[in-house]
N, C-alpha and C. Protein backbone atom coordinates (compact mmCIF):
# COMPACT_ATOMS: atom_id res chain seq x y z
N MET A 1 37.95 -31.19 -10.83
CA MET A 1 38.76 -30.13 -10.76
C MET A 1 39.01 -29.65 -9.42
N ASN A 2 40.25 -29.61 -8.84
CA ASN A 2 40.36 -29.13 -7.65
C ASN A 2 40.58 -27.54 -7.56
N ILE A 3 39.61 -27.03 -6.63
CA ILE A 3 39.42 -25.48 -6.40
C ILE A 3 39.98 -25.44 -5.11
N PRO A 4 41.18 -24.46 -4.92
CA PRO A 4 41.70 -24.06 -3.64
C PRO A 4 41.08 -23.18 -2.89
N SER A 5 40.73 -23.21 -1.52
CA SER A 5 40.13 -22.18 -0.66
C SER A 5 40.67 -21.33 -0.68
N ILE A 6 40.18 -20.13 -0.09
CA ILE A 6 40.71 -18.68 0.13
C ILE A 6 42.01 -18.81 0.91
N THR A 7 42.09 -19.52 1.89
CA THR A 7 43.53 -19.32 2.64
C THR A 7 44.42 -20.22 1.56
N ASP A 8 44.16 -21.11 1.13
CA ASP A 8 44.97 -21.85 0.11
C ASP A 8 45.67 -20.94 -1.12
N PHE A 9 44.72 -20.42 -1.54
CA PHE A 9 44.76 -19.07 -2.61
C PHE A 9 45.69 -18.26 -2.08
N THR A 10 45.54 -17.72 -1.01
CA THR A 10 46.47 -16.73 -0.32
C THR A 10 47.86 -17.23 -0.36
N SER A 11 47.93 -18.37 0.48
CA SER A 11 49.08 -19.00 0.66
C SER A 11 50.06 -19.14 -0.57
N ASP A 12 49.15 -19.55 -1.49
CA ASP A 12 49.81 -19.96 -2.65
C ASP A 12 50.55 -18.72 -3.39
N LEU A 13 49.78 -17.80 -3.40
CA LEU A 13 50.20 -16.35 -4.00
C LEU A 13 51.49 -16.05 -3.21
N ILE A 14 51.43 -15.87 -1.86
CA ILE A 14 52.42 -15.76 -1.22
C ILE A 14 53.59 -16.73 -1.29
N ASP A 15 53.72 -17.90 -1.46
CA ASP A 15 54.51 -18.85 -1.72
C ASP A 15 55.36 -18.33 -3.13
N ARG A 16 54.65 -17.69 -4.04
CA ARG A 16 55.35 -17.48 -5.17
C ARG A 16 56.52 -16.54 -5.05
N LEU A 17 56.73 -15.86 -4.07
CA LEU A 17 57.90 -14.93 -3.80
C LEU A 17 59.07 -15.53 -3.44
N HIS A 18 59.09 -17.02 -3.18
CA HIS A 18 60.30 -17.66 -2.74
C HIS A 18 60.39 -18.81 -3.51
N GLY A 19 59.53 -19.17 -4.42
CA GLY A 19 59.67 -20.36 -5.38
C GLY A 19 60.42 -19.94 -6.78
N PRO A 20 60.17 -21.17 -7.53
CA PRO A 20 60.86 -20.90 -8.68
C PRO A 20 60.13 -19.82 -9.60
N PHE A 21 61.23 -19.24 -10.41
CA PHE A 21 60.54 -17.99 -11.14
C PHE A 21 60.28 -16.71 -10.27
N SER A 22 60.69 -16.79 -8.95
CA SER A 22 60.28 -15.53 -8.16
C SER A 22 61.10 -14.09 -8.91
N PHE A 23 61.87 -14.30 -9.59
CA PHE A 23 62.66 -12.93 -10.42
C PHE A 23 61.47 -12.22 -10.78
N ARG A 24 60.42 -12.57 -11.45
CA ARG A 24 59.31 -12.18 -12.15
C ARG A 24 58.76 -10.91 -11.47
N PHE A 25 58.82 -11.16 -10.21
CA PHE A 25 58.08 -10.04 -9.28
C PHE A 25 58.87 -8.70 -8.97
N VAL A 26 60.10 -8.85 -9.86
CA VAL A 26 60.73 -7.74 -10.19
C VAL A 26 60.88 -7.24 -11.67
N LEU A 27 61.06 -8.30 -12.27
CA LEU A 27 60.82 -8.22 -13.75
C LEU A 27 60.04 -7.63 -14.44
N GLN A 28 58.75 -8.27 -14.29
CA GLN A 28 57.50 -7.95 -14.79
C GLN A 28 57.06 -6.45 -14.43
N PRO A 29 57.05 -5.92 -13.35
CA PRO A 29 56.53 -4.40 -12.87
C PRO A 29 57.77 -3.58 -13.74
N VAL A 30 58.81 -4.11 -13.52
CA VAL A 30 60.10 -2.83 -14.17
C VAL A 30 59.60 -2.67 -15.58
N VAL A 31 59.34 -3.97 -16.30
CA VAL A 31 59.20 -3.72 -17.89
C VAL A 31 57.60 -3.03 -17.83
N ALA A 32 56.96 -3.17 -17.21
CA ALA A 32 55.58 -2.54 -17.43
C ALA A 32 55.92 -1.06 -17.07
N ALA A 33 56.68 -0.85 -15.93
CA ALA A 33 56.90 0.64 -16.00
C ALA A 33 57.54 1.27 -16.89
N ILE A 34 58.52 0.58 -17.44
CA ILE A 34 59.13 1.31 -18.66
C ILE A 34 58.21 1.51 -19.94
N TYR A 35 57.40 0.71 -20.27
CA TYR A 35 56.43 0.78 -21.26
C TYR A 35 55.45 1.96 -20.67
N ALA A 36 55.06 2.15 -19.43
CA ALA A 36 54.31 3.24 -18.82
C ALA A 36 55.18 4.43 -18.80
N LEU A 37 56.49 4.57 -18.70
CA LEU A 37 57.23 5.79 -18.90
C LEU A 37 57.06 6.49 -20.37
N ARG A 38 57.38 5.21 -21.23
CA ARG A 38 57.44 5.41 -22.66
C ARG A 38 55.90 6.00 -23.15
N ASP A 39 54.89 5.60 -22.74
CA ASP A 39 53.46 5.89 -23.19
C ASP A 39 53.09 7.08 -22.64
N GLY A 40 53.60 7.26 -21.40
CA GLY A 40 53.39 8.58 -20.22
C GLY A 40 53.97 9.69 -21.00
N VAL A 41 55.24 9.73 -21.44
CA VAL A 41 55.92 10.91 -22.10
C VAL A 41 55.26 11.07 -23.38
N GLN A 42 55.02 9.87 -24.29
CA GLN A 42 54.24 10.58 -25.39
C GLN A 42 53.13 11.03 -25.47
N ASP A 43 52.20 10.43 -24.32
CA ASP A 43 51.09 11.26 -24.14
C ASP A 43 51.17 12.71 -23.54
N ALA A 44 52.01 13.22 -23.06
CA ALA A 44 52.39 14.53 -22.66
C ALA A 44 52.85 15.31 -23.79
N HIS A 45 53.75 14.57 -24.92
CA HIS A 45 54.11 15.43 -26.11
C HIS A 45 52.77 15.68 -26.86
N GLU A 46 51.77 14.79 -26.85
CA GLU A 46 50.51 14.75 -27.82
C GLU A 46 49.73 15.68 -26.87
N GLY A 47 49.72 15.98 -25.76
CA GLY A 47 48.83 17.04 -24.89
C GLY A 47 47.79 16.02 -24.65
N LYS A 48 47.73 14.81 -24.35
CA LYS A 48 46.77 13.94 -23.86
C LYS A 48 46.71 14.11 -22.28
N PRO A 49 45.33 13.96 -21.71
CA PRO A 49 45.39 14.09 -20.28
C PRO A 49 46.00 12.63 -19.52
N ALA A 50 45.98 12.91 -18.48
CA ALA A 50 46.45 11.72 -17.42
C ALA A 50 45.68 10.55 -17.58
N TYR A 51 46.43 9.31 -18.08
CA TYR A 51 45.43 8.20 -18.38
C TYR A 51 44.60 7.49 -17.41
N PHE A 52 44.94 7.17 -16.48
CA PHE A 52 43.96 6.59 -15.51
C PHE A 52 42.95 7.47 -15.31
N TRP A 53 43.06 8.43 -15.02
CA TRP A 53 42.07 9.50 -14.52
C TRP A 53 41.12 9.74 -15.78
N ASN A 54 41.66 9.67 -16.94
CA ASN A 54 40.93 9.82 -18.01
C ASN A 54 39.90 8.60 -18.53
N VAL A 55 40.60 7.36 -18.09
CA VAL A 55 40.05 6.09 -18.29
C VAL A 55 38.66 6.32 -17.38
N LEU A 56 38.95 6.76 -16.08
CA LEU A 56 37.51 6.53 -14.88
C LEU A 56 36.82 7.72 -15.34
N THR A 57 37.05 8.77 -15.91
CA THR A 57 35.98 9.85 -16.15
C THR A 57 35.62 10.09 -17.62
N GLN A 58 36.11 9.79 -18.80
CA GLN A 58 35.76 9.80 -19.89
C GLN A 58 35.04 8.69 -20.62
N SER A 59 34.44 9.09 -21.76
CA SER A 59 34.06 8.18 -22.64
C SER A 59 35.14 7.52 -23.31
N GLY A 60 35.01 6.40 -23.94
CA GLY A 60 35.78 5.70 -24.77
C GLY A 60 36.70 4.97 -23.96
N ARG A 61 36.19 4.56 -22.62
CA ARG A 61 37.04 3.43 -21.87
C ARG A 61 37.67 2.47 -22.50
N ARG A 62 36.91 2.02 -23.23
CA ARG A 62 37.07 0.49 -23.66
C ARG A 62 38.34 0.73 -24.66
N ALA A 63 38.15 1.57 -25.52
CA ALA A 63 39.44 1.82 -26.54
C ALA A 63 40.67 2.16 -25.65
N GLN A 64 40.56 2.74 -24.64
CA GLN A 64 41.58 3.21 -23.91
C GLN A 64 42.28 2.14 -23.10
N LEU A 65 41.64 1.37 -22.45
CA LEU A 65 41.95 0.06 -21.95
C LEU A 65 42.56 -0.75 -22.72
N SER A 66 41.91 -0.95 -24.06
CA SER A 66 42.41 -1.69 -25.30
C SER A 66 43.84 -1.59 -25.52
N THR A 67 44.00 0.06 -25.70
CA THR A 67 45.34 0.27 -26.05
C THR A 67 46.52 0.05 -24.98
N ALA A 68 46.02 0.14 -23.95
CA ALA A 68 46.97 -0.36 -22.47
C ALA A 68 46.98 -1.82 -22.67
N TRP A 69 46.18 -2.44 -22.87
CA TRP A 69 46.24 -4.19 -22.90
C TRP A 69 47.20 -4.26 -24.07
N HIS A 70 47.21 -3.74 -25.33
CA HIS A 70 48.28 -4.11 -26.34
C HIS A 70 49.46 -3.56 -25.90
N ARG A 71 49.69 -2.45 -25.14
CA ARG A 71 51.00 -1.86 -24.84
C ARG A 71 51.92 -3.12 -23.90
N VAL A 72 51.13 -3.77 -23.33
CA VAL A 72 51.82 -4.63 -22.24
C VAL A 72 51.33 -5.93 -22.39
N LEU A 73 51.04 -6.21 -23.73
CA LEU A 73 50.77 -7.67 -24.09
C LEU A 73 51.94 -8.75 -23.84
N ARG A 74 52.97 -8.19 -24.34
CA ARG A 74 54.15 -9.01 -24.54
C ARG A 74 54.74 -9.24 -22.75
N VAL A 75 54.62 -8.46 -22.06
CA VAL A 75 54.95 -8.59 -20.72
C VAL A 75 53.82 -9.41 -20.07
N MET A 76 52.59 -9.43 -20.50
CA MET A 76 51.66 -10.13 -19.52
C MET A 76 51.76 -11.57 -20.35
N ALA A 77 52.20 -11.73 -21.60
CA ALA A 77 52.13 -13.10 -22.15
C ALA A 77 53.33 -13.81 -21.39
N LEU A 78 54.45 -12.94 -21.31
CA LEU A 78 55.87 -13.72 -20.59
C LEU A 78 55.41 -14.05 -19.28
N GLY A 79 54.65 -13.26 -18.60
CA GLY A 79 54.10 -13.43 -16.86
C GLY A 79 53.41 -14.75 -17.35
N VAL A 80 52.53 -14.87 -18.22
CA VAL A 80 51.58 -16.23 -18.50
C VAL A 80 52.40 -17.56 -18.51
N VAL A 81 53.48 -17.26 -19.11
CA VAL A 81 54.19 -18.70 -19.75
C VAL A 81 55.23 -18.73 -18.27
N MET A 82 55.81 -17.74 -17.34
CA MET A 82 56.36 -18.01 -16.29
C MET A 82 55.27 -18.61 -15.30
N ASP A 83 54.15 -18.23 -14.90
CA ASP A 83 53.11 -18.76 -14.09
C ASP A 83 52.79 -19.92 -14.51
N VAL A 84 52.55 -20.23 -15.68
CA VAL A 84 51.96 -21.66 -16.06
C VAL A 84 52.94 -22.56 -15.67
N LEU A 85 54.28 -22.42 -16.01
CA LEU A 85 55.23 -23.29 -15.72
C LEU A 85 55.63 -23.39 -14.25
N TYR A 86 55.47 -22.26 -13.47
CA TYR A 86 55.51 -22.45 -12.04
C TYR A 86 54.60 -23.16 -11.38
N GLN A 87 53.13 -23.21 -12.02
CA GLN A 87 52.21 -24.08 -11.35
C GLN A 87 52.47 -25.45 -11.76
N LEU A 88 52.78 -25.62 -13.13
CA LEU A 88 53.08 -27.03 -13.35
C LEU A 88 54.11 -27.74 -12.57
N ILE A 89 55.17 -27.01 -12.14
CA ILE A 89 56.21 -27.42 -11.52
C ILE A 89 55.69 -27.74 -10.32
N VAL A 90 55.32 -26.82 -9.41
CA VAL A 90 54.95 -26.67 -7.81
C VAL A 90 53.39 -27.47 -7.76
N PHE A 91 52.39 -27.30 -8.41
CA PHE A 91 51.14 -27.66 -8.13
C PHE A 91 50.70 -28.97 -8.99
N LYS A 92 51.38 -29.29 -10.05
CA LYS A 92 51.40 -30.20 -11.25
C LYS A 92 49.97 -29.87 -11.92
N THR A 93 49.14 -28.79 -11.91
CA THR A 93 47.97 -28.22 -12.43
C THR A 93 48.05 -26.78 -12.67
N ILE A 94 47.02 -26.16 -13.11
CA ILE A 94 46.91 -24.73 -13.48
C ILE A 94 45.63 -24.37 -12.74
N TYR A 95 45.87 -23.31 -11.98
CA TYR A 95 44.74 -22.45 -11.30
C TYR A 95 44.68 -21.04 -12.18
N LEU A 96 43.66 -21.11 -13.04
CA LEU A 96 43.45 -19.73 -13.92
C LEU A 96 43.10 -18.67 -13.12
N VAL A 97 42.38 -18.70 -11.84
CA VAL A 97 42.30 -17.45 -11.16
C VAL A 97 43.72 -17.00 -10.66
N GLN A 98 44.25 -17.89 -10.28
CA GLN A 98 45.94 -17.43 -9.36
C GLN A 98 46.67 -16.69 -10.65
N LEU A 99 46.68 -17.32 -11.89
CA LEU A 99 47.28 -16.92 -13.00
C LEU A 99 46.72 -15.52 -13.44
N ALA A 100 45.41 -15.16 -13.42
CA ALA A 100 45.04 -14.00 -13.75
C ALA A 100 45.29 -13.06 -12.62
N VAL A 101 45.26 -13.09 -11.35
CA VAL A 101 45.84 -12.48 -10.52
C VAL A 101 47.14 -12.16 -10.52
N ILE A 102 47.95 -12.99 -11.03
CA ILE A 102 49.39 -12.80 -10.81
C ILE A 102 49.83 -11.87 -12.00
N VAL A 103 49.26 -12.43 -13.22
CA VAL A 103 49.56 -11.48 -14.47
C VAL A 103 49.18 -10.19 -14.40
N LEU A 104 47.83 -10.11 -14.24
CA LEU A 104 47.29 -8.58 -13.88
C LEU A 104 48.14 -7.73 -13.04
N GLY A 105 48.43 -8.32 -12.04
CA GLY A 105 48.90 -7.77 -10.52
C GLY A 105 50.29 -7.11 -11.15
N LEU A 106 50.78 -7.93 -11.89
CA LEU A 106 52.60 -7.93 -11.90
C LEU A 106 52.77 -6.93 -13.46
N ALA A 107 51.83 -6.86 -14.32
CA ALA A 107 52.24 -6.18 -15.55
C ALA A 107 51.17 -5.18 -15.92
N PHE A 108 49.94 -5.20 -15.83
CA PHE A 108 48.78 -4.65 -16.16
C PHE A 108 48.49 -3.29 -15.39
N VAL A 109 48.48 -3.80 -13.93
CA VAL A 109 48.16 -2.61 -13.01
C VAL A 109 49.35 -1.75 -12.74
N PRO A 110 50.62 -2.06 -12.71
CA PRO A 110 51.53 -1.14 -12.54
C PRO A 110 51.65 -0.19 -13.75
N TYR A 111 51.25 -0.69 -14.71
CA TYR A 111 51.39 0.09 -16.18
C TYR A 111 50.31 1.03 -16.15
N VAL A 112 49.03 0.47 -15.73
CA VAL A 112 48.08 1.58 -15.55
C VAL A 112 48.18 2.56 -14.58
N LEU A 113 48.60 2.33 -13.38
CA LEU A 113 48.77 3.32 -12.27
C LEU A 113 50.13 4.20 -12.68
N LEU A 114 50.90 3.66 -13.28
CA LEU A 114 52.18 4.65 -13.55
C LEU A 114 52.04 5.83 -14.81
N ARG A 115 51.30 5.10 -15.75
CA ARG A 115 51.33 6.12 -16.91
C ARG A 115 50.63 7.44 -16.93
N GLY A 116 49.72 7.78 -15.97
CA GLY A 116 49.03 8.99 -15.93
C GLY A 116 50.20 10.02 -14.90
N PRO A 117 50.94 9.64 -13.98
CA PRO A 117 51.60 10.29 -13.25
C PRO A 117 52.81 10.66 -14.08
N VAL A 118 53.36 9.53 -14.92
CA VAL A 118 54.43 10.05 -15.76
C VAL A 118 54.17 10.97 -16.75
N ASN A 119 52.78 10.93 -17.22
CA ASN A 119 52.32 12.29 -18.03
C ASN A 119 52.39 13.28 -17.50
N ARG A 120 52.01 13.34 -16.63
CA ARG A 120 51.97 14.74 -15.65
C ARG A 120 53.21 15.27 -15.20
N ILE A 121 54.17 14.53 -15.00
CA ILE A 121 55.52 15.07 -14.72
C ILE A 121 56.32 15.30 -15.94
N ALA A 122 55.99 14.60 -16.81
CA ALA A 122 56.36 15.14 -18.30
C ALA A 122 55.85 16.32 -18.79
N LYS A 123 54.60 16.55 -18.83
CA LYS A 123 53.98 17.83 -18.94
C LYS A 123 54.67 18.94 -18.44
N ARG A 124 54.95 18.65 -16.88
CA ARG A 124 55.53 19.70 -16.18
C ARG A 124 56.98 19.87 -16.73
N TRP A 125 57.64 18.82 -16.70
CA TRP A 125 59.21 19.07 -17.69
C TRP A 125 59.07 19.71 -18.89
N ILE A 126 58.30 19.37 -19.84
CA ILE A 126 58.10 20.18 -21.21
C ILE A 126 57.64 21.66 -20.81
N ARG A 127 56.82 21.92 -19.90
CA ARG A 127 56.54 23.29 -19.71
C ARG A 127 57.67 24.08 -19.44
N THR A 128 58.48 23.66 -18.53
CA THR A 128 59.59 24.44 -17.78
C THR A 128 61.16 24.25 -18.49
N HIS A 129 60.86 23.28 -19.43
CA HIS A 129 62.34 23.14 -20.31
C HIS A 129 61.76 23.06 -21.87
N PRO A 130 61.10 24.12 -22.31
CA PRO A 130 60.85 23.74 -23.65
C PRO A 130 61.74 23.69 -24.73
N ARG A 131 61.74 23.06 -25.65
CA ARG A 131 62.81 22.90 -26.75
C ARG A 131 63.03 24.16 -27.49
N SER A 132 64.27 24.74 -27.62
CA SER A 132 64.48 25.95 -28.38
C SER A 132 64.23 25.65 -29.96
N LYS A 133 63.64 26.42 -30.62
CA LYS A 133 63.23 26.45 -32.03
C LYS A 133 64.53 26.88 -32.66
N ALA A 134 65.06 26.38 -33.37
CA ALA A 134 66.05 26.81 -34.52
C ALA A 134 65.66 27.66 -35.40
N ALA A 135 66.20 28.88 -36.10
CA ALA A 135 65.59 29.83 -36.75
C ALA A 135 66.09 29.12 -38.21
């Protein structure tokens, strides 16, 4: 099994920006952000705390991360397919570490980082723009 050096690893990751399937560097984070927006607003309506901070400071991290994982699973699966195809076209082999870095970096990380701020913004919006209750 051929294991690339750190220099090759970094170079290979950078080369993906201009190779086949480079559109995924926009597509995957955008879709992950849409999921984070949806879930962050839902969290705000349910009165849940900011997601990432809650994961870091509260118990039940595994369940919270599992929820996030399932929310972006489709985006990550698409990322796996695209990166495997890229690696087979360019390298003629599959490097699992590179695959994990790309998929997690383009889908899971943006989701986890955006869900909490979206929650906070949505909570402020809800407080300043309450729904009028019909009598």
